[in-house]
């Protein structure tokens, strides 16, 4: 994929992510927090199932699941935690606050994973500029989540 297209697509998806917590929070008012998290992730799973079967023509490649290490199956758990926590915290932090805190957490942990070179990632050092960027993300998150006066 072209780099510019990849950046544009990711920015667009980031915009969708801003909508997810408030939409799920509204759903949670009708079906509870856990109910909303379940419905959200179930719809995701169903959509991906339909796309998978349409693209792959069946379930054949999923037989490879038998040999994967357990930790490679935790992505869905992480997604469920993200959906659940964000739909609760959006009521306190607002959509901007949830996205700011989520992005800060994502970037900081991603930089640490890159530094350690875990899970098949290429090693990247924690340079002073990267550390400054992480500090600015934390500061930005604190500023964005301040209550309006």
Protein backbone atom coordinates (compact mmCIF):
# COMPACT_ATOMS: atom_id res chain seq x y z
CA UNK A 1 0.00 0.00 0.00
CA UNK A 2 1.20 3.50 -0.80
CA UNK A 3 2.47 5.36 2.31
CA UNK A 4 0.26 8.43 1.77
CA UNK A 5 -2.81 6.23 1.32
CA UNK A 6 -1.91 4.26 4.44
CA UNK A 7 -1.64 7.49 6.46
CA UNK A 8 -4.92 8.83 5.07
CA UNK A 9 -6.76 5.56 5.75
CA UNK A 10 -5.42 5.42 9.30
CA UNK A 11 -6.44 9.04 9.96
CA UNK A 12 -9.95 8.24 8.71
CA UNK A 13 -10.17 5.19 10.97
CA UNK A 14 -8.94 7.36 13.83
CA UNK A 15 -11.96 9.58 13.18
CA UNK A 16 -14.22 6.55 13.46
CA UNK A 17 -12.57 5.59 16.73
CA UNK A 18 -13.56 9.00 18.11
CA UNK A 19 -17.21 8.08 17.52
CA UNK A 20 -17.03 4.60 19.03
CA UNK A 21 -17.01 5.44 22.78
CA UNK A 22 -19.92 7.91 22.69
CA UNK A 23 -22.00 5.62 20.45
CA UNK A 24 -21.31 2.64 22.70
CA UNK A 25 -22.00 4.75 25.80
CA UNK A 26 -25.40 5.70 24.44
CA UNK A 27 -26.11 2.04 23.70
CA UNK A 28 -25.02 1.25 27.26
CA UNK A 29 -27.82 3.45 28.60
CA UNK A 30 -30.25 0.96 27.05
CA UNK A 31 -28.52 -2.38 27.60
CA UNK A 32 -25.88 -1.77 30.35
CA UNK A 33 -22.15 -1.23 29.95
CA UNK A 34 -21.33 -4.91 29.56
CA UNK A 35 -24.30 -5.36 27.22
CA UNK A 36 -23.10 -2.51 25.01
CA UNK A 37 -19.55 -3.88 24.96
CA UNK A 38 -20.91 -7.30 24.01
CA UNK A 39 -23.14 -5.95 21.23
CA UNK A 40 -20.30 -3.81 19.86
CA UNK A 41 -17.76 -6.63 19.75
CA UNK A 42 -20.33 -9.17 18.53
CA UNK A 43 -21.23 -6.93 15.58
CA UNK A 44 -17.50 -6.53 14.85
CA UNK A 45 -17.05 -10.30 14.91
CA UNK A 46 -20.05 -10.92 12.66
CA UNK A 47 -18.97 -8.31 10.10
CA UNK A 48 -15.44 -9.73 10.02
CA UNK A 49 -16.82 -13.27 9.69
CA UNK A 50 -18.85 -12.27 6.62
CA UNK A 51 -15.89 -10.42 5.08
CA UNK A 52 -13.52 -13.31 5.84
CA UNK A 53 -15.78 -15.92 4.26
CA UNK A 54 -16.43 -13.67 1.25
CA UNK A 55 -12.72 -13.01 0.66
CA UNK A 56 -11.36 -16.46 1.55
CA UNK A 57 -14.26 -18.54 0.29
CA UNK A 58 -14.62 -20.49 3.53
CA UNK A 59 -12.99 -21.22 6.87
CA UNK A 60 -10.05 -23.37 5.71
CA UNK A 61 -7.20 -21.15 6.87
CA UNK A 62 -8.65 -20.91 10.37
CA UNK A 63 -7.51 -24.49 10.98
CA UNK A 64 -4.10 -22.88 11.65
CA UNK A 65 -5.46 -21.68 15.00
CA UNK A 66 -4.70 -25.07 16.54
CA UNK A 67 -0.99 -24.39 16.66
CA UNK A 68 -0.81 -20.78 17.84
CA UNK A 69 0.51 -19.80 21.27
CA UNK A 70 -2.20 -18.66 23.71
CA UNK A 71 -0.96 -15.05 23.86
CA UNK A 72 -1.58 -14.63 20.13
CA UNK A 73 -5.29 -15.10 20.87
CA UNK A 74 -5.51 -12.21 23.37
CA UNK A 75 -6.13 -9.45 20.81
CA UNK A 76 -9.90 -9.89 21.05
CA UNK A 77 -9.72 -9.70 24.83
CA UNK A 78 -7.76 -6.46 24.55
CA UNK A 79 -10.35 -5.10 22.13
CA UNK A 80 -13.19 -5.98 24.51
CA UNK A 81 -11.40 -4.22 27.38
CA UNK A 82 -10.80 -1.15 25.18
CA UNK A 83 -14.47 -0.98 24.14
CA UNK A 84 -15.73 -1.48 27.71
CA UNK A 85 -13.41 1.01 29.39
CA UNK A 86 -13.86 3.68 26.72
CA UNK A 87 -17.66 3.50 26.81
CA UNK A 88 -17.55 4.08 30.58
CA UNK A 89 -14.84 6.75 30.66
CA UNK A 90 -16.33 8.80 27.79
CA UNK A 91 -19.02 9.98 30.21
CA UNK A 92 -16.32 11.54 32.40
CA UNK A 93 -13.61 12.50 29.91
CA UNK A 94 -15.61 13.20 26.75
CA UNK A 95 -14.72 11.79 23.34
CA UNK A 96 -11.62 13.98 23.01
CA UNK A 97 -10.34 12.96 26.42
CA UNK A 98 -10.85 9.26 25.76
CA UNK A 99 -9.10 9.47 22.39
CA UNK A 100 -6.23 11.55 23.85
CA UNK A 101 -5.68 9.10 26.70
CA UNK A 102 -6.00 6.11 24.39
CA UNK A 103 -3.50 7.50 21.89
CA UNK A 104 -1.07 8.42 24.67
CA UNK A 105 -1.28 4.91 26.09
CA UNK A 106 -0.96 3.33 22.65
CA UNK A 107 2.11 5.34 21.70
CA UNK A 108 3.91 4.94 25.01
CA UNK A 109 3.38 1.16 25.17
CA UNK A 110 4.16 0.84 21.44
CA UNK A 111 7.46 2.67 21.93
CA UNK A 112 8.34 0.34 24.81
CA UNK A 113 7.43 -2.71 22.70
CA UNK A 114 9.60 -1.35 19.87
CA UNK A 115 12.46 -0.76 22.32
CA UNK A 116 12.24 -4.34 23.58
CA UNK A 117 11.74 -5.82 20.12
CA UNK A 118 9.04 -8.17 21.38
CA UNK A 119 6.43 -10.04 19.34
CA UNK A 120 8.53 -9.94 16.19
CA UNK A 121 8.98 -6.15 16.17
CA UNK A 122 12.17 -4.57 14.94
CA UNK A 123 14.04 -2.83 17.75
CA UNK A 124 13.87 0.97 17.89
CA UNK A 125 15.63 2.93 20.60
CA UNK A 126 14.05 5.37 23.03
CA UNK A 127 15.74 8.54 21.81
CA UNK A 128 15.46 11.84 23.65
CA UNK A 129 13.03 13.05 20.98
CA UNK A 130 10.80 9.99 21.42
CA UNK A 131 10.84 10.42 25.20
CA UNK A 132 9.98 14.11 24.77
CA UNK A 133 7.12 13.14 22.47
CA UNK A 134 5.78 10.74 25.09
CA UNK A 135 6.01 13.46 27.73
CA UNK A 136 4.14 15.87 25.46
CA UNK A 137 1.44 13.26 24.88
CA UNK A 138 0.94 12.89 28.61
CA UNK A 139 0.87 16.68 29.02
CA UNK A 140 -1.57 17.00 26.11
CA UNK A 141 -3.81 14.34 27.63
CA UNK A 142 -3.83 16.18 30.96
CA UNK A 143 -4.72 19.43 29.17
CA UNK A 144 -7.45 17.89 27.01
CA UNK A 145 -9.07 16.16 29.99
CA UNK A 146 -9.26 19.26 32.19
CA UNK A 147 -12.87 20.12 33.04
CA UNK A 148 -14.23 23.26 31.35
CA UNK A 149 -14.47 26.25 33.63
